[in-house]
C-alpha atoms as a PDB file:
ATOM      1  CA  UNK A   1     146.008  34.856 222.548  1.00  0.00           C
ATOM      2  CA  UNK A   2     143.218  33.076 222.551  1.00  0.00           C
ATOM      3  CA  UNK A   3     142.493  29.188 223.651  1.00  0.00           C
ATOM      4  CA  UNK A   4     142.141  26.738 220.270  1.00  0.00           C
ATOM      5  CA  UNK A   5     138.689  26.326 221.089  1.00  0.00           C
ATOM      6  CA  UNK A   6     137.593  29.813 221.619  1.00  0.00           C
ATOM      7  CA  UNK A   7     139.500  30.167 217.759  1.00  0.00           C
ATOM      8  CA  UNK A   8     137.613  27.286 216.403  1.00  0.00           C
ATOM      9  CA  UNK A   9     134.691  28.983 217.692  1.00  0.00           C
ATOM     10  CA  UNK A  10     135.396  32.284 216.128  1.00  0.00           C
ATOM     11  CA  UNK A  11     136.545  30.492 212.636  1.00  0.00           C
ATOM     12  CA  UNK A  12     132.713  28.289 212.611  1.00  0.00           C
ATOM     13  CA  UNK A  13     130.889  31.601 213.403  1.00  0.00           C
ATOM     14  CA  UNK A  14     133.014  33.976 210.581  1.00  0.00           C
ATOM     15  CA  UNK A  15     132.878  30.652 208.125  1.00  0.00           C
ATOM     16  CA  UNK A  16     129.109  31.153 207.852  1.00  0.00           C
ATOM     17  CA  UNK A  17     129.347  34.450 206.470  1.00  0.00           C
ATOM     18  CA  UNK A  18     133.202  34.885 205.257  1.00  0.00           C
ATOM     19  CA  UNK A  19     132.940  32.499 201.751  1.00  0.00           C
ATOM     20  CA  UNK A  20     136.324  32.816 201.478  1.00  0.00           C
ATOM     21  CA  UNK A  21     137.325  32.055 205.033  1.00  0.00           C
ATOM     22  CA  UNK A  22     134.751  28.795 204.459  1.00  0.00           C
ATOM     23  CA  UNK A  23     136.630  28.167 201.744  1.00  0.00           C
ATOM     24  CA  UNK A  24     140.152  27.686 203.712  1.00  0.00           C
ATOM     25  CA  UNK A  25     138.811  26.284 206.856  1.00  0.00           C
ATOM     26  CA  UNK A  26     137.059  22.944 204.996  1.00  0.00           C
ATOM     27  CA  UNK A  27     140.528  22.343 202.330  1.00  0.00           C
ATOM     28  CA  UNK A  28     143.011  23.548 205.553  1.00  0.00           C
ATOM     29  CA  UNK A  29     141.024  22.055 208.901  1.00  0.00           C
ATOM     30  CA  UNK A  30     144.161  21.007 210.454  1.00  0.00           C
ATOM     31  CA  UNK A  31     145.010  24.836 210.640  1.00  0.00           C
ATOM     32  CA  UNK A  32     142.241  27.673 212.689  1.00  0.00           C
ATOM     33  CA  UNK A  33     142.480  30.518 210.532  1.00  0.00           C
ATOM     34  CA  UNK A  34     142.436  34.537 211.191  1.00  0.00           C
ATOM     35  CA  UNK A  35     140.974  37.421 208.973  1.00  0.00           C
ATOM     36  CA  UNK A  36     143.563  40.197 208.964  1.00  0.00           C
ATOM     37  CA  UNK A  37     144.038  43.099 207.296  1.00  0.00           C
ATOM     38  CA  UNK A  38     142.798  41.754 203.348  1.00  0.00           C
ATOM     39  CA  UNK A  39     144.445  38.221 203.886  1.00  0.00           C
ATOM     40  CA  UNK A  40     143.892  35.400 205.980  1.00  0.00           C
ATOM     41  CA  UNK A  41     146.581  33.793 208.394  1.00  0.00           C
ATOM     42  CA  UNK A  42     147.090  29.512 209.388  1.00  0.00           C
ATOM     43  CA  UNK A  43     147.461  29.276 212.450  1.00  0.00           C
ATOM     44  CA  UNK A  44     149.135  26.172 213.967  1.00  0.00           C
ATOM     45  CA  UNK A  45     146.749  25.145 216.796  1.00  0.00           C
ATOM     46  CA  UNK A  46     149.700  23.749 218.731  1.00  0.00           C
ATOM     47  CA  UNK A  47     151.209  26.883 220.086  1.00  0.00           C
ATOM     48  CA  UNK A  48     148.653  29.495 218.161  1.00  0.00           C
ATOM     49  CA  UNK A  49     151.243  31.135 215.949  1.00  0.00           C
ATOM     50  CA  UNK A  50     150.986  31.945 212.553  1.00  0.00           C
ATOM     51  CA  UNK A  51     152.887  29.964 210.236  1.00  0.00           C
ATOM     52  CA  UNK A  52     151.423  31.298 206.462  1.00  0.00           C
ATOM     53  CA  UNK A  53     149.099  33.798 204.859  1.00  0.00           C
ATOM     54  CA  UNK A  54     146.100  33.785 202.432  1.00  0.00           C
ATOM     55  CA  UNK A  55     145.846  36.689 200.450  1.00  0.00           C
ATOM     56  CA  UNK A  56     143.088  36.014 197.951  1.00  0.00           C
ATOM     57  CA  UNK A  57     143.517  36.732 193.839  1.00  0.00           C
ATOM     58  CA  UNK A  58     140.316  38.455 193.199  1.00  0.00           C
ATOM     59  CA  UNK A  59     137.759  36.473 190.846  1.00  0.00           C
ATOM     60  CA  UNK A  60     139.688  33.646 190.514  1.00  0.00           C
ATOM     61  CA  UNK A  61     140.082  31.103 193.207  1.00  0.00           C
ATOM     62  CA  UNK A  62     143.046  31.633 193.787  1.00  0.00           C
ATOM     63  CA  UNK A  63     145.898  32.647 196.415  1.00  0.00           C
ATOM     64  CA  UNK A  64     149.166  33.961 197.051  1.00  0.00           C
ATOM     65  CA  UNK A  65     150.957  33.010 200.002  1.00  0.00           C
ATOM     66  CA  UNK A  66     153.513  34.681 202.566  1.00  0.00           C
ATOM     67  CA  UNK A  67     155.715  33.476 204.769  1.00  0.00           C
ATOM     68  CA  UNK A  68     157.154  35.060 207.923  1.00  0.00           C
ATOM     69  CA  UNK A  69     160.904  36.328 207.474  1.00  0.00           C
ATOM     70  CA  UNK A  70     162.197  37.123 210.617  1.00  0.00           C
ATOM     71  CA  UNK A  71     165.197  38.340 208.341  1.00  0.00           C
ATOM     72  CA  UNK A  72     162.883  41.162 207.240  1.00  0.00           C
ATOM     73  CA  UNK A  73     159.762  41.516 209.867  1.00  0.00           C
ATOM     74  CA  UNK A  74     157.375  41.507 207.414  1.00  0.00           C
ATOM     75  CA  UNK A  75     155.125  38.473 205.558  1.00  0.00           C
ATOM     76  CA  UNK A  76     157.055  37.534 202.304  1.00  0.00           C
ATOM     77  CA  UNK A  77     155.447  36.400 198.785  1.00  0.00           C
ATOM     78  CA  UNK A  78     156.913  32.184 198.869  1.00  0.00           C
ATOM     79  CA  UNK A  79     158.241  31.920 195.233  1.00  0.00           C
ATOM     80  CA  UNK A  80     161.717  32.194 193.705  1.00  0.00           C
ATOM     81  CA  UNK A  81     159.651  33.472 190.100  1.00  0.00           C
ATOM     82  CA  UNK A  82     157.166  36.189 191.925  1.00  0.00           C
ATOM     83  CA  UNK A  83     154.095  36.046 192.219  1.00  0.00           C
ATOM     84  CA  UNK A  84     152.583  32.499 192.396  1.00  0.00           C
ATOM     85  CA  UNK A  85     148.732  31.603 191.656  1.00  0.00           C
ATOM     86  CA  UNK A  86     147.912  28.810 193.718  1.00  0.00           C
ATOM     87  CA  UNK A  87     144.846  26.856 194.870  1.00  0.00           C
ATOM     88  CA  UNK A  88     143.858  25.908 198.123  1.00  0.00           C
ATOM     89  CA  UNK A  89     144.947  22.033 196.841  1.00  0.00           C
ATOM     90  CA  UNK A  90     148.585  23.287 196.136  1.00  0.00           C
ATOM     91  CA  UNK A  91     148.924  25.687 198.981  1.00  0.00           C
ATOM     92  CA  UNK A  92     148.029  22.839 201.289  1.00  0.00           C
ATOM     93  CA  UNK A  93     150.811  20.894 199.258  1.00  0.00           C
ATOM     94  CA  UNK A  94     153.333  23.293 200.064  1.00  0.00           C
ATOM     95  CA  UNK A  95     152.964  24.145 203.477  1.00  0.00           C
ATOM     96  CA  UNK A  96     152.402  20.510 204.296  1.00  0.00           C
ATOM     97  CA  UNK A  97     156.078  20.324 203.145  1.00  0.00           C
ATOM     98  CA  UNK A  98     158.591  23.281 203.104  1.00  0.00           C
ATOM     99  CA  UNK A  99     159.983  23.725 206.113  1.00  0.00           C
ATOM    100  CA  UNK A 100     160.073  27.148 205.963  1.00  0.00           C
ATOM    101  CA  UNK A 101     156.456  26.448 207.019  1.00  0.00           C
ATOM    102  CA  UNK A 102     157.330  24.875 210.130  1.00  0.00           C
ATOM    103  CA  UNK A 103     158.952  27.403 211.540  1.00  0.00           C
ATOM    104  CA  UNK A 104     156.839  29.940 213.809  1.00  0.00           C
ATOM    105  CA  UNK A 105     156.924  33.764 214.154  1.00  0.00           C
ATOM    106  CA  UNK A 106     158.838  35.288 216.834  1.00  0.00           C
END
C-alpha cells in the first residue's frame, strides 16, 4: 500500500486528467480516491482500506454505490431496491451514516 501523502499526490495528478475523479474528490474530500476497473474506490485514510466503491452512471451526474461483502468476497450494490442512482451529496450522506461503510475490507 502507498502512504497517504503518496495517494494524495496520485489523486492530485489523476484529477487533473480525470474530471469524474476531480468531482468525487471535491465532494468526498475526507477520502482518498483510487480509480479501479471502471469505478472509483473510496479509501479510508487511517487504514488505507477501500470502504466503498462508486461506479459512474453514463450520461448523468449520478453514481452507483457499492460496499464490500465479506460473506460473498466481492463488491455488492448498496440498497434494498436494486441499483440506486445517487448524487455525490447523497453518497456522502450514506457513507457517513451507515455502519456498513465503517467495516474494513478483509
